C-alpha atoms as a PDB file:
ATOM      1  CA  MET A   1       0.028   0.072   0.002  1.00  0.00           C
ATOM      2  CA  ILE A   2       2.905   2.542   0.744  1.00  0.00           C
ATOM      3  CA  PRO A   3       3.987   2.450  -2.971  1.00  0.00           C
ATOM      4  CA  ALA A   4       0.365   3.053  -4.066  1.00  0.00           C
ATOM      5  CA  VAL A   5       0.059   5.929  -1.821  1.00  0.00           C
ATOM      6  CA  LEU A   6       3.500   7.266  -2.987  1.00  0.00           C
ATOM      7  CA  LEU A   7       2.651   6.889  -6.632  1.00  0.00           C
ATOM      8  CA  ALA A   8      -0.770   8.450  -6.366  1.00  0.00           C
ATOM      9  CA  ILE A   9       0.438  11.488  -4.652  1.00  0.00           C
ATOM     10  CA  LEU A  10       3.133  11.576  -7.628  1.00  0.00           C
ATOM     11  CA  GLY A  11       0.735  11.262 -10.201  1.00  0.00           C
ATOM     12  CA  PHE A  12      -1.864  13.927  -8.652  1.00  0.00           C
ATOM     13  CA  SER A  13       1.083  16.423  -8.091  1.00  0.00           C
ATOM     14  CA  LEU A  14       2.663  15.919 -11.751  1.00  0.00           C
ATOM     15  CA  SER A  15      -0.996  16.090 -13.340  1.00  0.00           C
ATOM     16  CA  CYS A  16      -1.834  19.155 -11.541  1.00  0.00           C
ATOM     17  CA  LEU A  17       1.413  20.845 -12.344  1.00  0.00           C
ATOM     18  CA  LEU A  18       0.948  19.993 -16.080  1.00  0.00           C
ATOM     19  CA  THR A  19      -2.641  21.133 -16.129  1.00  0.00           C
ATOM     20  CA  PHE A  20      -1.422  24.602 -14.912  1.00  0.00           C
ATOM     21  CA  ILE A  21       1.262  24.564 -17.871  1.00  0.00           C
ATOM     22  CA  VAL A  22      -1.240  23.448 -20.380  1.00  0.00           C
ATOM     23  CA  ARG A  23      -3.588  26.062 -19.469  1.00  0.00           C
ATOM     24  CA  ARG A  24      -0.931  28.881 -19.572  1.00  0.00           C
ATOM     25  CA  TYR A  25      -0.439  27.527 -23.010  1.00  0.00           C
ATOM     26  CA  ALA A  26      -3.909  27.573 -23.881  1.00  0.00           C
ATOM     27  CA  LEU A  27      -4.441  31.171 -22.894  1.00  0.00           C
ATOM     28  CA  SER A  28      -1.336  32.049 -24.847  1.00  0.00           C
ATOM     29  CA  THR A  29      -2.288  30.607 -28.072  1.00  0.00           C
ATOM     30  CA  GLN A  30      -5.972  31.252 -27.619  1.00  0.00           C
ATOM     31  CA  LEU A  31      -7.034  27.523 -27.574  1.00  0.00           C
ATOM     32  CA  MET A  32     -10.351  28.426 -26.064  1.00  0.00           C
ATOM     33  CA  ASP A  33     -13.612  26.798 -25.953  1.00  0.00           C
ATOM     34  CA  VAL A  34     -15.822  29.630 -26.680  1.00  0.00           C
ATOM     35  CA  PRO A  35     -19.632  29.127 -25.849  1.00  0.00           C
ATOM     36  CA  ASN A  36     -22.347  28.845 -28.336  1.00  0.00           C
ATOM     37  CA  GLU A  37     -26.174  27.912 -28.590  1.00  0.00           C
ATOM     38  CA  ARG A  38     -25.161  24.264 -27.957  1.00  0.00           C
ATOM     39  CA  SER A  39     -22.898  25.059 -24.838  1.00  0.00           C
ATOM     40  CA  SER A  40     -23.587  24.563 -21.048  1.00  0.00           C
ATOM     41  CA  HIS A  41     -20.983  27.296 -20.190  1.00  0.00           C
ATOM     42  CA  THR A  42     -21.013  30.956 -20.520  1.00  0.00           C
ATOM     43  CA  THR A  43     -17.729  32.062 -20.712  1.00  0.00           C
ATOM     44  CA  PRO A  44     -14.618  31.522 -22.815  1.00  0.00           C
ATOM     45  CA  THR A  45     -12.324  28.736 -21.294  1.00  0.00           C
ATOM     46  CA  PRO A  46      -9.144  27.274 -22.095  1.00  0.00           C
ATOM     47  CA  ARG A  47      -9.348  23.563 -23.314  1.00  0.00           C
ATOM     48  CA  GLY A  48      -6.971  20.639 -23.980  1.00  0.00           C
ATOM     49  CA  GLY A  49      -6.327  20.043 -20.256  1.00  0.00           C
ATOM     50  CA  GLY A  50      -6.872  16.361 -20.620  1.00  0.00           C
ATOM     51  CA  LEU A  51      -3.391  16.155 -21.960  1.00  0.00           C
ATOM     52  CA  ALA A  52      -2.128  16.433 -18.462  1.00  0.00           C
ATOM     53  CA  ILE A  53      -3.794  13.447 -17.439  1.00  0.00           C
ATOM     54  CA  VAL A  54      -2.623  11.624 -20.487  1.00  0.00           C
ATOM     55  CA  LEU A  55       1.135  12.532 -20.121  1.00  0.00           C
ATOM     56  CA  THR A  56       1.077  11.830 -16.564  1.00  0.00           C
ATOM     57  CA  PHE A  57      -0.680   8.372 -16.512  1.00  0.00           C
ATOM     58  CA  MET A  58       1.143   7.055 -19.550  1.00  0.00           C
ATOM     59  CA  LEU A  59       4.537   7.987 -17.907  1.00  0.00           C
ATOM     60  CA  LEU A  60       3.626   6.285 -14.847  1.00  0.00           C
ATOM     61  CA  ALA A  61       2.185   3.291 -16.470  1.00  0.00           C
ATOM     62  CA  LEU A  62       5.572   2.985 -18.549  1.00  0.00           C
ATOM     63  CA  GLY A  63       7.498   2.951 -15.516  1.00  0.00           C
ATOM     64  CA  LEU A  64       5.248   0.206 -13.800  1.00  0.00           C
ATOM     65  CA  GLY A  65       5.619  -1.826 -16.922  1.00  0.00           C
ATOM     66  CA  ILE A  66       9.432  -1.450 -16.866  1.00  0.00           C
ATOM     67  CA  SER A  67       9.789  -2.308 -13.368  1.00  0.00           C
ATOM     68  CA  GLY A  68       7.449  -5.556 -13.937  1.00  0.00           C
ATOM     69  CA  ILE A  69       4.545  -4.245 -11.392  1.00  0.00           C
ATOM     70  CA  ILE A  70       2.044  -4.490 -14.144  1.00  0.00           C
ATOM     71  CA  GLU A  71       1.920  -6.855 -16.745  1.00  0.00           C
ATOM     72  CA  ARG A  72       3.625  -6.236 -19.958  1.00  0.00           C
ATOM     73  CA  ALA A  73       0.735  -7.024 -22.175  1.00  0.00           C
ATOM     74  CA  LEU A  74      -1.582  -4.187 -20.189  1.00  0.00           C
ATOM     75  CA  CYS A  75       1.292  -1.628 -20.403  1.00  0.00           C
ATOM     76  CA  ILE A  76       2.007  -1.881 -23.986  1.00  0.00           C
ATOM     77  CA  ALA A  77      -1.907  -1.848 -24.643  1.00  0.00           C
ATOM     78  CA  THR A  78      -2.554   1.246 -22.856  1.00  0.00           C
ATOM     79  CA  LEU A  79       0.457   2.763 -24.315  1.00  0.00           C
ATOM     80  CA  GLY A  80      -0.483   2.308 -27.818  1.00  0.00           C
ATOM     81  CA  SER A  81      -4.010   2.721 -27.694  1.00  0.00           C
ATOM     82  CA  GLY A  82      -3.919   5.887 -25.503  1.00  0.00           C
ATOM     83  CA  THR A  83      -1.341   7.351 -27.991  1.00  0.00           C
ATOM     84  CA  VAL A  84      -3.934   6.936 -30.801  1.00  0.00           C
ATOM     85  CA  VAL A  85      -6.919   8.164 -28.866  1.00  0.00           C
ATOM     86  CA  SER A  86      -5.214  11.140 -27.184  1.00  0.00           C
ATOM     87  CA  ILE A  87      -3.472  12.475 -30.607  1.00  0.00           C
ATOM     88  CA  LEU A  88      -6.668  12.338 -32.592  1.00  0.00           C
ATOM     89  CA  GLY A  89      -8.420  14.002 -29.756  1.00  0.00           C
ATOM     90  CA  TYR A  90      -5.923  16.785 -29.638  1.00  0.00           C
ATOM     91  CA  LEU A  91      -5.856  17.181 -33.227  1.00  0.00           C
ATOM     92  CA  ASP A  92      -9.837  17.387 -33.142  1.00  0.00           C
ATOM     93  CA  ASP A  93      -9.547  19.922 -30.395  1.00  0.00           C
ATOM     94  CA  ARG A  94      -7.025  22.035 -32.321  1.00  0.00           C
ATOM     95  CA  TYR A  95      -8.327  21.796 -35.888  1.00  0.00           C
ATOM     96  CA  HIS A  96     -11.190  19.506 -36.707  1.00  0.00           C
ATOM     97  CA  VAL A  97     -11.107  15.824 -37.331  1.00  0.00           C
ATOM     98  CA  SER A  98     -13.981  14.225 -39.581  1.00  0.00           C
ATOM     99  CA  ALA A  99     -16.205  11.649 -37.574  1.00  0.00           C
ATOM    100  CA  GLY A 100     -14.999   9.090 -40.344  1.00  0.00           C
ATOM    101  CA  ILE A 101     -11.492   9.181 -39.417  1.00  0.00           C
ATOM    102  CA  ARG A 102     -12.123   9.627 -35.740  1.00  0.00           C
ATOM    103  CA  PHE A 103     -14.002   6.197 -35.663  1.00  0.00           C
ATOM    104  CA  LEU A 104     -11.269   4.630 -37.749  1.00  0.00           C
ATOM    105  CA  GLY A 105      -8.556   5.504 -35.145  1.00  0.00           C
ATOM    106  CA  HIS A 106     -10.675   4.554 -32.236  1.00  0.00           C
ATOM    107  CA  VAL A 107     -11.319   1.014 -34.134  1.00  0.00           C
ATOM    108  CA  ALA A 108      -7.316   0.746 -34.719  1.00  0.00           C
ATOM    109  CA  ALA A 109      -7.042   1.539 -31.155  1.00  0.00           C
ATOM    110  CA  ALA A 110      -9.591  -1.036 -29.995  1.00  0.00           C
ATOM    111  CA  ALA A 111      -7.797  -3.557 -32.237  1.00  0.00           C
ATOM    112  CA  TRP A 112      -4.356  -2.919 -30.624  1.00  0.00           C
ATOM    113  CA  VAL A 113      -5.618  -3.547 -27.274  1.00  0.00           C
ATOM    114  CA  LEU A 114      -7.500  -7.016 -28.395  1.00  0.00           C
ATOM    115  CA  ILE A 115      -4.122  -8.122 -29.980  1.00  0.00           C
ATOM    116  CA  TRP A 116      -2.356  -7.522 -26.788  1.00  0.00           C
ATOM    117  CA  PHE A 117      -5.118  -8.883 -24.433  1.00  0.00           C
ATOM    118  CA  GLY A 118      -5.591 -12.317 -26.486  1.00  0.00           C
ATOM    119  CA  PRO A 119      -8.615 -14.302 -26.519  1.00  0.00           C
ATOM    120  CA  LEU A 120     -11.320 -13.227 -24.288  1.00  0.00           C
ATOM    121  CA  PRO A 121     -12.963 -15.573 -21.666  1.00  0.00           C
ATOM    122  CA  PRO A 122     -16.666 -16.991 -22.199  1.00  0.00           C
ATOM    123  CA  VAL A 123     -19.430 -14.513 -20.995  1.00  0.00           C
ATOM    124  CA  THR A 124     -21.030 -15.201 -17.732  1.00  0.00           C
ATOM    125  CA  ILE A 125     -24.825 -14.752 -17.977  1.00  0.00           C
ATOM    126  CA  PHE A 126     -27.303 -15.492 -15.285  1.00  0.00           C
ATOM    127  CA  GLY A 127     -24.809 -17.928 -13.863  1.00  0.00           C
ATOM    128  CA  LEU A 128     -24.098 -19.619 -17.245  1.00  0.00           C
ATOM    129  CA  VAL A 129     -20.876 -19.787 -19.211  1.00  0.00           C
ATOM    130  CA  VAL A 130     -21.614 -18.661 -22.794  1.00  0.00           C
ATOM    131  CA  ASN A 131     -18.920 -18.831 -25.252  1.00  0.00           C
ATOM    132  CA  LEU A 132     -19.625 -16.633 -28.192  1.00  0.00           C
ATOM    133  CA  GLY A 133     -16.524 -17.338 -30.053  1.00  0.00           C
ATOM    134  CA  LEU A 134     -15.508 -14.402 -32.403  1.00  0.00           C
ATOM    135  CA  ALA A 135     -18.694 -12.267 -31.291  1.00  0.00           C
ATOM    136  CA  THR A 136     -16.984 -12.105 -28.129  1.00  0.00           C
ATOM    137  CA  THR A 137     -13.996 -10.135 -29.743  1.00  0.00           C
ATOM    138  CA  LEU A 138     -16.264  -8.009 -31.912  1.00  0.00           C
ATOM    139  CA  LEU A 139     -18.425  -7.096 -28.877  1.00  0.00           C
ATOM    140  CA  SER A 140     -15.196  -6.116 -26.823  1.00  0.00           C
ATOM    141  CA  ALA A 141     -13.908  -3.926 -29.786  1.00  0.00           C
ATOM    142  CA  PHE A 142     -17.506  -2.219 -29.676  1.00  0.00           C
ATOM    143  CA  PHE A 143     -17.417  -1.958 -26.085  1.00  0.00           C
ATOM    144  CA  LEU A 144     -13.832  -0.059 -26.219  1.00  0.00           C
ATOM    145  CA  VAL A 145     -15.073   2.194 -28.962  1.00  0.00           C
ATOM    146  CA  TRP A 146     -18.416   2.961 -27.269  1.00  0.00           C
ATOM    147  CA  PHE A 147     -16.769   3.974 -24.011  1.00  0.00           C
ATOM    148  CA  ILE A 148     -14.217   6.265 -25.785  1.00  0.00           C
ATOM    149  CA  ASN A 149     -17.203   8.119 -27.153  1.00  0.00           C
ATOM    150  CA  VAL A 150     -19.214   7.815 -24.365  1.00  0.00           C
ATOM    151  CA  PHE A 151     -17.206  10.074 -21.977  1.00  0.00           C
ATOM    152  CA  ASN A 152     -16.779  12.431 -25.114  1.00  0.00           C
ATOM    153  CA  PHE A 153     -20.590  12.668 -25.250  1.00  0.00           C
ATOM    154  CA  MET A 154     -20.842  13.217 -21.257  1.00  0.00           C
ATOM    155  CA  ASP A 155     -18.050  15.643 -21.134  1.00  0.00           C
ATOM    156  CA  GLY A 156     -20.540  18.495 -21.345  1.00  0.00           C
ATOM    157  CA  ILE A 157     -20.377  20.556 -17.887  1.00  0.00           C
ATOM    158  CA  ASP A 158     -17.699  21.133 -15.181  1.00  0.00           C
ATOM    159  CA  GLY A 159     -16.349  18.509 -13.725  1.00  0.00           C
ATOM    160  CA  ILE A 160     -18.700  15.661 -14.592  1.00  0.00           C
ATOM    161  CA  ALA A 161     -16.398  13.679 -16.709  1.00  0.00           C
ATOM    162  CA  SER A 162     -13.320  13.798 -14.285  1.00  0.00           C
ATOM    163  CA  LEU A 163     -15.604  12.736 -11.110  1.00  0.00           C
ATOM    164  CA  GLU A 164     -17.255  10.069 -12.804  1.00  0.00           C
ATOM    165  CA  ALA A 165     -13.657   8.565 -13.913  1.00  0.00           C
ATOM    166  CA  ILE A 166     -12.480   9.048 -10.347  1.00  0.00           C
ATOM    167  CA  SER A 167     -15.503   7.484  -8.679  1.00  0.00           C
ATOM    168  CA  ILE A 168     -15.566   4.525 -10.986  1.00  0.00           C
ATOM    169  CA  THR A 169     -11.894   3.572 -11.110  1.00  0.00           C
ATOM    170  CA  LEU A 170     -11.632   3.782  -7.079  1.00  0.00           C
ATOM    171  CA  SER A 171     -14.586   1.811  -6.700  1.00  0.00           C
ATOM    172  CA  GLY A 172     -13.299  -0.631  -9.462  1.00  0.00           C
ATOM    173  CA  ALA A 173     -10.036  -0.786  -7.786  1.00  0.00           C
ATOM    174  CA  LEU A 174     -11.745  -1.891  -4.571  1.00  0.00           C
ATOM    175  CA  VAL A 175     -13.535  -4.714  -6.340  1.00  0.00           C
ATOM    176  CA  TRP A 176     -10.526  -5.691  -8.311  1.00  0.00           C
ATOM    177  CA  TRP A 177      -8.484  -5.839  -5.084  1.00  0.00           C
ATOM    178  CA  MET A 178     -11.382  -7.705  -3.252  1.00  0.00           C
ATOM    179  CA  VAL A 179     -11.261 -10.481  -5.881  1.00  0.00           C
ATOM    180  CA  GLN A 180      -7.570 -10.166  -7.043  1.00  0.00           C
ATOM    181  CA  PRO A 181      -5.469  -8.821  -4.158  1.00  0.00           C
ATOM    182  CA  SER A 182      -2.138  -9.205  -6.368  1.00  0.00           C
ATOM    183  CA  GLY A 183      -3.797  -8.110  -9.429  1.00  0.00           C
ATOM    184  CA  SER A 184      -3.047  -4.771 -11.388  1.00  0.00           C
ATOM    185  CA  TRP A 185      -5.581  -2.741  -9.281  1.00  0.00           C
ATOM    186  CA  LEU A 186      -2.799  -0.187  -8.397  1.00  0.00           C
ATOM    187  CA  LEU A 187      -3.034   1.106 -11.882  1.00  0.00           C
ATOM    188  CA  ALA A 188      -6.593   2.108 -11.493  1.00  0.00           C
ATOM    189  CA  ILE A 189      -5.659   3.739  -8.208  1.00  0.00           C
ATOM    190  CA  ILE A 190      -2.960   5.830 -10.101  1.00  0.00           C
ATOM    191  CA  PHE A 191      -5.150   6.569 -12.876  1.00  0.00           C
ATOM    192  CA  ALA A 192      -7.825   8.179 -10.474  1.00  0.00           C
ATOM    193  CA  ALA A 193      -4.814  10.272  -8.866  1.00  0.00           C
ATOM    194  CA  CYS A 194      -4.006  11.622 -12.207  1.00  0.00           C
ATOM    195  CA  VAL A 195      -7.603  13.032 -12.954  1.00  0.00           C
ATOM    196  CA  GLY A 196      -7.606  14.084  -9.530  1.00  0.00           C
ATOM    197  CA  GLY A 197      -4.864  16.371 -10.242  1.00  0.00           C
ATOM    198  CA  PHE A 198      -6.657  17.872 -13.280  1.00  0.00           C
ATOM    199  CA  LEU A 199      -9.842  18.193 -11.459  1.00  0.00           C
ATOM    200  CA  VAL A 200      -8.185  20.657  -9.209  1.00  0.00           C
ATOM    201  CA  TRP A 201      -8.398  23.071 -12.152  1.00  0.00           C
ATOM    202  CA  ASN A 202     -11.675  21.589 -13.530  1.00  0.00           C
ATOM    203  CA  PHE A 203     -13.871  21.489 -10.553  1.00  0.00           C
ATOM    204  CA  PRO A 204     -16.942  23.760 -10.831  1.00  0.00           C
ATOM    205  CA  PRO A 205     -16.461  26.504 -11.824  1.00  0.00           C
ATOM    206  CA  ALA A 206     -13.735  25.113 -14.237  1.00  0.00           C
ATOM    207  CA  ARG A 207     -10.694  27.061 -14.977  1.00  0.00           C
ATOM    208  CA  ILE A 208      -9.981  24.551 -17.919  1.00  0.00           C
ATOM    209  CA  PHE A 209     -11.798  22.010 -19.898  1.00  0.00           C
ATOM    210  CA  MET A 210     -10.012  18.719 -20.640  1.00  0.00           C
ATOM    211  CA  GLY A 211     -11.150  18.386 -24.461  1.00  0.00           C
ATOM    212  CA  ASP A 212     -11.416  15.384 -26.483  1.00  0.00           C
ATOM    213  CA  ALA A 213      -7.859  14.434 -26.103  1.00  0.00           C
ATOM    214  CA  GLY A 214      -8.755  13.992 -22.178  1.00  0.00           C
ATOM    215  CA  SER A 215     -12.539  12.538 -22.514  1.00  0.00           C
ATOM    216  CA  GLY A 216     -11.843   9.791 -25.014  1.00  0.00           C
ATOM    217  CA  PHE A 217      -8.554   8.905 -22.977  1.00  0.00           C
ATOM    218  CA  LEU A 218     -10.852   8.334 -19.732  1.00  0.00           C
ATOM    219  CA  GLY A 219     -13.461   6.023 -21.494  1.00  0.00           C
ATOM    220  CA  LEU A 220     -10.521   4.117 -23.170  1.00  0.00           C
ATOM    221  CA  VAL A 221      -8.879   3.359 -19.467  1.00  0.00           C
ATOM    222  CA  VAL A 222     -12.128   2.741 -18.116  1.00  0.00           C
ATOM    223  CA  ALA A 223     -12.798   0.220 -20.725  1.00  0.00           C
ATOM    224  CA  LEU A 224      -9.335  -1.032 -20.672  1.00  0.00           C
ATOM    225  CA  PHE A 225      -9.687  -1.858 -16.616  1.00  0.00           C
ATOM    226  CA  ALA A 226     -12.979  -3.572 -17.270  1.00  0.00           C
ATOM    227  CA  LEU A 227     -11.765  -5.877 -20.182  1.00  0.00           C
ATOM    228  CA  TRP A 228      -8.350  -6.803 -18.435  1.00  0.00           C
ATOM    229  CA  SER A 229      -9.853  -7.670 -14.939  1.00  0.00           C
ATOM    230  CA  GLY A 230     -12.299  -9.534 -16.630  1.00  0.00           C
ATOM    231  CA  LEU A 231      -9.821 -11.621 -18.440  1.00  0.00           C
ATOM    232  CA  ALA A 232      -8.975 -13.083 -15.273  1.00  0.00           C
ATOM    233  CA  GLU A 233     -12.067 -12.941 -13.342  1.00  0.00           C
ATOM    234  CA  PRO A 234     -15.086 -12.524 -15.950  1.00  0.00           C
ATOM    235  CA  HIS A 235     -17.255 -11.429 -13.101  1.00  0.00           C
ATOM    236  CA  LEU A 236     -15.455  -8.353 -12.701  1.00  0.00           C
ATOM    237  CA  PHE A 237     -16.036  -7.194 -16.242  1.00  0.00           C
ATOM    238  CA  TRP A 238     -19.599  -6.644 -15.023  1.00  0.00           C
ATOM    239  CA  CYS A 239     -18.683  -4.771 -11.775  1.00  0.00           C
ATOM    240  CA  TRP A 240     -17.090  -2.139 -14.283  1.00  0.00           C
ATOM    241  CA  PHE A 241     -19.834  -2.154 -16.310  1.00  0.00           C
ATOM    242  CA  ILE A 242     -22.277  -1.651 -13.254  1.00  0.00           C
ATOM    243  CA  LEU A 243     -20.127   1.335 -11.804  1.00  0.00           C
ATOM    244  CA  ALA A 244     -20.112   3.144 -15.394  1.00  0.00           C
ATOM    245  CA  GLY A 245     -23.924   2.957 -15.265  1.00  0.00           C
ATOM    246  CA  CYS A 246     -24.654   7.095 -14.971  1.00  0.00           C
ATOM    247  CA  PHE A 247     -22.672   7.619 -18.314  1.00  0.00           C
ATOM    248  CA  THR A 248     -23.756   4.584 -20.042  1.00  0.00           C
ATOM    249  CA  VAL A 249     -27.313   4.981 -19.586  1.00  0.00           C
ATOM    250  CA  ASP A 250     -27.655   8.605 -19.909  1.00  0.00           C
ATOM    251  CA  ALA A 251     -25.503   8.572 -23.261  1.00  0.00           C
ATOM    252  CA  SER A 252     -27.230   5.388 -24.700  1.00  0.00           C
ATOM    253  CA  THR A 253     -30.863   6.836 -23.843  1.00  0.00           C
ATOM    254  CA  THR A 254     -29.968  10.060 -25.466  1.00  0.00           C
ATOM    255  CA  LEU A 255     -28.500   8.640 -28.665  1.00  0.00           C
ATOM    256  CA  VAL A 256     -31.234   6.060 -29.185  1.00  0.00           C
ATOM    257  CA  ARG A 257     -33.967   8.706 -28.850  1.00  0.00           C
ATOM    258  CA  ARG A 258     -32.076  11.238 -31.039  1.00  0.00           C
ATOM    259  CA  VAL A 259     -31.358   8.592 -33.984  1.00  0.00           C
ATOM    260  CA  ARG A 260     -34.939   7.307 -33.894  1.00  0.00           C
ATOM    261  CA  ARG A 261     -36.213  11.054 -34.146  1.00  0.00           C
ATOM    262  CA  GLY A 262     -33.852  11.367 -37.221  1.00  0.00           C
ATOM    263  CA  ASP A 263     -30.993  13.602 -35.916  1.00  0.00           C
ATOM    264  CA  ARG A 264     -27.340  13.274 -36.791  1.00  0.00           C
ATOM    265  CA  PHE A 265     -25.899  10.963 -34.120  1.00  0.00           C
ATOM    266  CA  ASN A 266     -22.509  13.020 -34.326  1.00  0.00           C
ATOM    267  CA  GLU A 267     -24.157  16.178 -34.149  1.00  0.00           C
ATOM    268  CA  ALA A 268     -23.128  18.786 -31.296  1.00  0.00           C
ATOM    269  CA  HIS A 269     -26.184  19.312 -28.990  1.00  0.00           C
ATOM    270  CA  ARG A 270     -27.184  19.484 -25.277  1.00  0.00           C
ATOM    271  CA  ASN A 271     -30.012  17.253 -24.941  1.00  0.00           C
ATOM    272  CA  HIS A 272     -28.558  14.733 -22.475  1.00  0.00           C
ATOM    273  CA  ALA A 273     -30.229  14.116 -19.173  1.00  0.00           C
ATOM    274  CA  TYR A 274     -27.148  15.816 -16.832  1.00  0.00           C
ATOM    275  CA  GLN A 275     -27.420  18.661 -19.089  1.00  0.00           C
ATOM    276  CA  TYR A 276     -31.117  19.274 -18.858  1.00  0.00           C
ATOM    277  CA  ALA A 277     -30.616  18.874 -14.970  1.00  0.00           C
ATOM    278  CA  SER A 278     -27.862  21.184 -14.809  1.00  0.00           C
ATOM    279  CA  ARG A 279     -30.110  23.859 -16.389  1.00  0.00           C
ATOM    280  CA  LEU A 280     -33.053  22.938 -14.207  1.00  0.00           C
ATOM    281  CA  HIS A 281     -31.051  23.006 -11.074  1.00  0.00           C
ATOM    282  CA  ALA A 282     -28.855  25.812 -12.224  1.00  0.00           C
ATOM    283  CA  SER A 283     -25.658  24.365 -11.236  1.00  0.00           C
ATOM    284  CA  HIS A 284     -23.069  22.022 -12.657  1.00  0.00           C
ATOM    285  CA  LYS A 285     -21.487  21.315  -9.147  1.00  0.00           C
ATOM    286  CA  THR A 286     -24.870  19.862  -7.858  1.00  0.00           C
ATOM    287  CA  VAL A 287     -25.265  17.509 -10.964  1.00  0.00           C
ATOM    288  CA  SER A 288     -21.559  16.463 -10.921  1.00  0.00           C
ATOM    289  CA  LEU A 289     -21.492  15.744  -7.165  1.00  0.00           C
ATOM    290  CA  SER A 290     -24.967  13.795  -7.499  1.00  0.00           C
ATOM    291  CA  VAL A 291     -23.221  11.517 -10.212  1.00  0.00           C
ATOM    292  CA  VAL A 292     -20.646  10.616  -7.426  1.00  0.00           C
ATOM    293  CA  ALA A 293     -23.309  10.069  -4.951  1.00  0.00           C
ATOM    294  CA  ILE A 294     -25.267   7.693  -7.001  1.00  0.00           C
ATOM    295  CA  ASN A 295     -22.058   5.798  -7.796  1.00  0.00           C
ATOM    296  CA  VAL A 296     -20.863   5.526  -4.030  1.00  0.00           C
ATOM    297  CA  VAL A 297     -24.287   4.893  -2.567  1.00  0.00           C
ATOM    298  CA  TRP A 298     -25.972   2.705  -5.209  1.00  0.00           C
ATOM    299  CA  LEU A 299     -23.726   1.244  -7.856  1.00  0.00           C
ATOM    300  CA  THR A 300     -20.770   0.600  -5.687  1.00  0.00           C
ATOM    301  CA  PRO A 301     -22.643  -1.790  -3.252  1.00  0.00           C
ATOM    302  CA  LEU A 302     -24.050  -3.590  -6.105  1.00  0.00           C
ATOM    303  CA  ALA A 303     -20.544  -4.247  -7.731  1.00  0.00           C
ATOM    304  CA  ILE A 304     -19.333  -5.502  -4.598  1.00  0.00           C
ATOM    305  CA  ALA A 305     -21.863  -7.684  -4.370  1.00  0.00           C
ATOM    306  CA  VAL A 306     -21.268  -8.932  -7.620  1.00  0.00           C
ATOM    307  CA  ALA A 307     -17.465  -9.206  -7.004  1.00  0.00           C
ATOM    308  CA  LEU A 308     -18.297 -11.414  -4.082  1.00  0.00           C
ATOM    309  CA  ARG A 309     -20.586 -13.520  -6.096  1.00  0.00           C
ATOM    310  CA  ALA A 310     -23.491 -12.584  -3.941  1.00  0.00           C
ATOM    311  CA  LEU A 311     -25.508 -11.401  -7.229  1.00  0.00           C
ATOM    312  CA  ASP A 312     -25.019 -12.516 -10.569  1.00  0.00           C
ATOM    313  CA  GLY A 313     -23.568  -9.758 -13.035  1.00  0.00           C
ATOM    314  CA  VAL A 314     -26.280  -9.269 -15.674  1.00  0.00           C
ATOM    315  CA  THR A 315     -28.672  -9.060 -12.441  1.00  0.00           C
ATOM    316  CA  GLY A 316     -26.465  -6.532 -11.002  1.00  0.00           C
ATOM    317  CA  VAL A 317     -26.371  -4.562 -14.189  1.00  0.00           C
ATOM    318  CA  LEU A 318     -30.358  -4.688 -14.363  1.00  0.00           C
ATOM    319  CA  LEU A 319     -30.973  -3.362 -10.994  1.00  0.00           C
ATOM    320  CA  GLY A 320     -28.419  -0.692 -11.268  1.00  0.00           C
ATOM    321  CA  TYR A 321     -29.522   0.358 -14.518  1.00  0.00           C
ATOM    322  CA  ALA A 322     -33.106   0.640 -13.615  1.00  0.00           C
ATOM    323  CA  PRO A 323     -33.437   3.875 -11.523  1.00  0.00           C
ATOM    324  CA  LEU A 324     -30.962   5.399 -13.866  1.00  0.00           C
ATOM    325  CA  ILE A 325     -33.119   4.793 -16.841  1.00  0.00           C
ATOM    326  CA  TRP A 326     -36.049   6.384 -14.947  1.00  0.00           C
ATOM    327  CA  LEU A 327     -33.839   9.463 -14.385  1.00  0.00           C
ATOM    328  CA  ALA A 328     -32.749   9.855 -17.836  1.00  0.00           C
ATOM    329  CA  PHE A 329     -36.156   9.714 -18.877  1.00  0.00           C
ATOM    330  CA  HIS A 330     -37.574  12.037 -16.010  1.00  0.00           C
ATOM    331  CA  TYR A 331     -34.660  14.547 -17.012  1.00  0.00           C
ATOM    332  CA  LYS A 332     -35.745  14.259 -20.920  1.00  0.00           C
ATOM    333  CA  ALA A 333     -32.771  12.667 -22.144  1.00  0.00           C
ATOM    334  CA  GLY A 334     -32.683  13.257 -25.952  1.00  0.00           C
ATOM    335  CA  ASP A 335     -35.539  15.616 -25.937  1.00  0.00           C
ATOM    336  CA  ARG A 336     -34.852  18.121 -28.716  1.00  0.00           C
ATOM    337  CA  LYS A 337     -36.654  20.730 -26.554  1.00  0.00           C
ATOM    338  CA  GLY A 338     -33.505  21.230 -24.426  1.00  0.00           C
ATOM    339  CA  GLN A 339     -31.799  22.790 -27.662  1.00  0.00           C
ATOM    340  CA  ALA A 340     -33.696  26.077 -27.016  1.00  0.00           C
ATOM    341  CA  SER A 341     -33.844  26.008 -23.246  1.00  0.00           C
END
């Protein structure tokens, strides 16, 4: 535990310092997020701060990989896919990258991960082991690409993506440690600390945004942890899926309702439930902290129950997501009227 604490402190401190440097650079080069009719903020704010998370975490992951503390395959998969996703995100922040190129890049990153992770284990559904063969790999690739974009979609108000990533990975590290005390759960704690250093500057009211370079990377790393821990203990995958419920449900509900209505799925908007909630309650802080509260009070106990095999994974997902789906509709996720609110 002592190395874990020291590395977490190092990650937090370095990320905080790098965010300060990136913010100064963004201000000097006018790399600003200027509000428009689809924005949830009202003043121009520097962006690109997610690079601090990326650089800090990748440096520490490389060190852990070289020292043998984490497995070589996990290290190489993280560094390779993280580099692709963060560079694409930075280019999109700075210039503009078409949706098609971003998608191909995300698929390439997912393929790189699965090459190093190797064959994925059969899926356990309601206690039955189901071998889906090639479909398991295809679903895993979809899961990685989807999570990269889920965090991108949901990074729309101050602090929400940072707080979600921290609460997911700390709870995920807990259940991972409970099942695999000698596993790579240390990397999840370090990741949370790196995001925490950025959060110092991103907590409402935010002084810098993470941008696509950071949000996509956050989603990728959470999905990586879910798949890697699930390789050894398949029921751990369901724990991570439960913990990511707030973002998964809001993003999925919003996307499905918009596509059914005929809207372009990749068009910028502010129709997510969390965006409605932030306008209704006139507070980014209230909504972002509410997401953390849901994770801690509701989703984490369910994940622990699944980790201890007191509850089936799919049952845990259904129980965890049910009230979140109600909240998504309560706050009109995907409702076009939010555009003019």
